[in-house]
Amino acid sequence: MVQKKPLPWDPIVEAHRQWKQHGWDVEADGMAAVTSIMRAQQIMLARVEALLRPFKLTFARFELLRLLSFTRDGAMPMASASARLQVHPTSVTNTTDRLEGAGLIRRSAHPTDGRATLIWITPAGREVVDAATAAINREFFADVGLGPTDQKNLVAILARFRRDAGDFVEPPST
């Protein structure tokens, strides 16, 4: 939830102080890092969701539409979408249900794999995701509140963290 009025203090700094006061000195910085990332995610998601609301999209629906729009023919197996978006297959199914109900995607049987279902972006889906992307690019991604160096450093730090957590592996160098 985004607050309308800023707090007169930083609650994470206060939590850090409390952690240390209670004898958790070694853990205090880790708690502050995790809490800061979680709060930043809440702030960013709220901004993105507000920009998507006029398009009747959530961020999850936007991501699936954008992913489909990037494919050569506008289609992808649901399992592949789940893997690329790094979400549970049930989430992709629920998102697909909503987008299909809105006429923004459609499903079909996979032509060679009887167990798989393809999801396709419709022309209406392309139109909506292109308009939503223009709004997000203009109103948020162009200025997320960090300078270019901070953005690059943050992405590099978080990529290293994600890689070390097993989120992905570095491609072999050639």
Protein backbone atom coordinates (compact mmCIF):
# COMPACT_ATOMS: atom_id res chain seq x y z
CA MET A 1 0.00 0.00 0.00
CA VAL A 2 1.37 3.41 -0.97
CA GLN A 3 1.05 6.00 1.76
CA LYS A 4 -0.42 9.38 0.96
CA LYS A 5 1.80 11.19 3.46
CA PRO A 6 5.43 10.19 4.10
CA LEU A 7 6.32 9.02 7.58
CA PRO A 8 8.47 11.45 9.60
CA TRP A 9 11.06 8.67 10.11
CA ASP A 10 12.34 5.58 8.33
CA PRO A 11 10.74 2.53 9.96
CA ILE A 12 13.45 0.26 8.55
CA VAL A 13 16.16 2.32 10.26
CA GLU A 14 14.14 2.04 13.49
CA ALA A 15 13.73 -1.73 13.03
CA HIS A 16 17.49 -1.98 12.45
CA ARG A 17 18.11 -0.10 15.71
CA GLN A 18 15.67 -2.37 17.54
CA TRP A 19 17.31 -5.49 16.10
CA LYS A 20 20.68 -4.37 17.43
CA GLN A 21 19.22 -3.33 20.77
CA HIS A 22 17.78 -6.84 21.17
CA GLY A 23 21.15 -8.46 20.55
CA TRP A 24 20.78 -9.34 16.90
CA ASP A 25 23.70 -7.20 15.67
CA VAL A 26 24.93 -9.75 13.12
CA GLU A 27 21.43 -10.16 11.66
CA ALA A 28 20.40 -6.48 11.69
CA ASP A 29 21.90 -5.56 8.30
CA GLY A 30 20.37 -8.63 6.62
CA MET A 31 16.94 -7.81 8.09
CA ALA A 32 17.25 -4.22 6.87
CA ALA A 33 18.29 -5.36 3.37
CA VAL A 34 15.41 -7.84 3.05
CA THR A 35 12.87 -5.40 4.47
CA SER A 36 14.12 -2.60 2.18
CA ILE A 37 13.78 -4.82 -0.91
CA MET A 38 10.29 -5.95 0.13
CA ARG A 39 9.16 -2.34 0.72
CA ALA A 40 10.69 -1.17 -2.58
CA GLN A 41 8.83 -4.00 -4.35
CA GLN A 42 5.55 -2.86 -2.76
CA ILE A 43 6.13 0.74 -3.88
CA MET A 44 7.08 -0.26 -7.43
CA LEU A 45 4.23 -2.74 -7.82
CA ALA A 46 1.72 -0.15 -6.60
CA ARG A 47 2.98 2.35 -9.19
CA VAL A 48 2.86 -0.19 -12.02
CA GLU A 49 -0.57 -1.50 -11.00
CA ALA A 50 -1.94 2.07 -10.91
CA LEU A 51 -0.68 2.64 -14.46
CA LEU A 52 -2.18 -0.66 -15.64
CA ARG A 53 -5.59 -0.12 -14.01
CA PRO A 54 -7.00 1.94 -16.94
CA PHE A 55 -6.14 -1.00 -19.23
CA LYS A 56 -7.93 -3.44 -16.88
CA LEU A 57 -4.65 -5.32 -16.37
CA THR A 58 -2.69 -6.51 -13.37
CA PHE A 59 1.08 -6.78 -13.59
CA ALA A 60 0.81 -10.58 -13.94
CA ARG A 61 -1.58 -10.21 -16.89
CA PHE A 62 0.60 -7.52 -18.44
CA GLU A 63 3.68 -9.76 -18.14
CA LEU A 64 1.97 -12.68 -19.86
CA LEU A 65 0.65 -10.50 -22.68
CA ARG A 66 4.05 -8.85 -23.15
CA LEU A 67 5.77 -12.26 -23.18
CA LEU A 68 3.39 -13.57 -25.83
CA SER A 69 3.81 -10.42 -27.91
CA PHE A 70 7.58 -11.00 -27.99
CA THR A 71 7.23 -14.44 -29.58
CA ARG A 72 7.58 -14.86 -33.33
CA ASP A 73 3.98 -15.96 -33.90
CA GLY A 74 2.33 -14.69 -30.71
CA ALA A 75 1.98 -18.14 -29.15
CA MET A 76 3.66 -20.24 -26.51
CA PRO A 77 2.94 -23.42 -24.56
CA MET A 78 1.53 -22.65 -21.12
CA ALA A 79 4.37 -24.60 -19.47
CA SER A 80 6.93 -22.43 -21.26
CA ALA A 81 5.15 -19.28 -20.11
CA SER A 82 5.23 -20.58 -16.54
CA ALA A 83 8.98 -21.22 -16.76
CA ARG A 84 9.81 -17.89 -18.37
CA LEU A 85 7.68 -15.89 -15.96
CA GLN A 86 9.02 -17.99 -13.06
CA VAL A 87 5.56 -18.62 -11.63
CA HIS A 88 3.63 -21.75 -10.75
CA PRO A 89 1.61 -23.28 -13.63
CA THR A 90 -1.58 -22.62 -11.66
CA SER A 91 -0.81 -18.89 -11.77
CA VAL A 92 -0.45 -19.01 -15.55
CA THR A 93 -3.73 -20.92 -15.79
CA ASN A 94 -5.54 -18.32 -13.66
CA THR A 95 -4.00 -15.44 -15.58
CA THR A 96 -4.88 -17.15 -18.88
CA ASP A 97 -8.48 -17.61 -17.72
CA ARG A 98 -8.79 -13.88 -17.01
CA LEU A 99 -7.12 -12.76 -20.22
CA GLU A 100 -9.12 -15.23 -22.29
CA GLY A 101 -12.33 -13.99 -20.69
CA ALA A 102 -11.36 -10.47 -21.70
CA GLY A 103 -10.67 -11.58 -25.28
CA LEU A 104 -6.96 -10.74 -25.05
CA ILE A 105 -5.63 -14.27 -25.53
CA ARG A 106 -6.96 -17.62 -26.74
CA ARG A 107 -6.01 -21.24 -26.15
CA SER A 108 -5.57 -24.11 -28.55
CA ALA A 109 -4.29 -27.65 -28.46
CA HIS A 110 -0.60 -28.01 -29.21
CA PRO A 111 -0.26 -29.44 -32.77
CA THR A 112 2.38 -32.05 -31.84
CA ASP A 113 2.09 -32.52 -28.07
CA GLY A 114 -1.33 -33.75 -27.01
CA ARG A 115 -0.61 -32.89 -23.36
CA ALA A 116 0.26 -29.23 -24.01
CA THR A 117 -1.90 -26.18 -24.52
CA LEU A 118 -0.81 -23.19 -26.56
CA ILE A 119 -1.80 -19.67 -25.58
CA TRP A 120 -2.03 -17.04 -28.28
CA ILE A 121 -2.20 -13.28 -27.99
CA THR A 122 -5.16 -11.83 -29.93
CA PRO A 123 -5.09 -8.59 -31.93
CA ALA A 124 -7.01 -6.95 -29.05
CA GLY A 125 -4.38 -8.29 -26.62
CA ARG A 126 -1.58 -6.83 -28.73
CA GLU A 127 -3.33 -3.48 -28.84
CA VAL A 128 -3.86 -3.39 -25.07
CA VAL A 129 -0.34 -4.53 -24.16
CA ASP A 130 1.24 -2.06 -26.59
CA ALA A 131 -0.76 0.83 -25.11
CA ALA A 132 -0.04 -0.32 -21.55
CA THR A 133 3.67 -0.66 -22.32
CA ALA A 134 3.78 2.86 -23.75
CA ALA A 135 2.16 4.19 -20.56
CA ILE A 136 4.48 2.29 -18.22
CA ASN A 137 7.57 3.23 -20.25
CA ARG A 138 6.59 6.89 -20.29
CA GLU A 139 5.25 7.22 -16.75
CA PHE A 140 7.53 4.90 -14.77
CA PHE A 141 10.32 2.97 -16.50
CA ALA A 142 11.78 6.18 -17.99
CA ASP A 143 12.30 7.43 -14.41
CA VAL A 144 12.02 4.86 -11.63
CA GLY A 145 13.60 7.23 -9.13
CA LEU A 146 17.18 5.99 -9.47
CA GLY A 147 19.95 7.35 -11.66
CA PRO A 148 21.41 5.27 -14.50
CA THR A 149 24.46 4.14 -12.49
CA ASP A 150 22.33 3.15 -9.49
CA GLN A 151 19.97 1.22 -11.77
CA LYS A 152 22.83 -0.72 -13.39
CA ASN A 153 24.45 -1.42 -10.02
CA LEU A 154 21.16 -2.55 -8.49
CA VAL A 155 20.40 -4.87 -11.41
CA ALA A 156 23.93 -6.35 -11.18
CA ILE A 157 23.71 -6.87 -7.41
CA LEU A 158 20.29 -8.49 -7.63
CA ALA A 159 21.32 -10.63 -10.61
CA ARG A 160 24.29 -11.94 -8.63
CA PHE A 161 22.01 -12.64 -5.66
CA ARG A 162 19.46 -14.42 -7.89
CA ARG A 163 22.16 -16.47 -9.63
CA ASP A 164 23.72 -17.49 -6.30
CA ALA A 165 20.24 -18.47 -5.03
CA GLY A 166 19.85 -20.84 -8.00
CA ASP A 167 17.43 -18.67 -9.98
CA PHE A 168 19.46 -19.10 -13.19
CA VAL A 169 22.89 -20.16 -14.38
CA GLU A 170 25.33 -18.04 -16.32
CA PRO A 171 25.58 -19.09 -19.96
CA PRO A 172 28.95 -20.64 -20.79
CA SER A 173 31.42 -18.09 -22.10
CA THR A 174 32.61 -18.62 -25.65
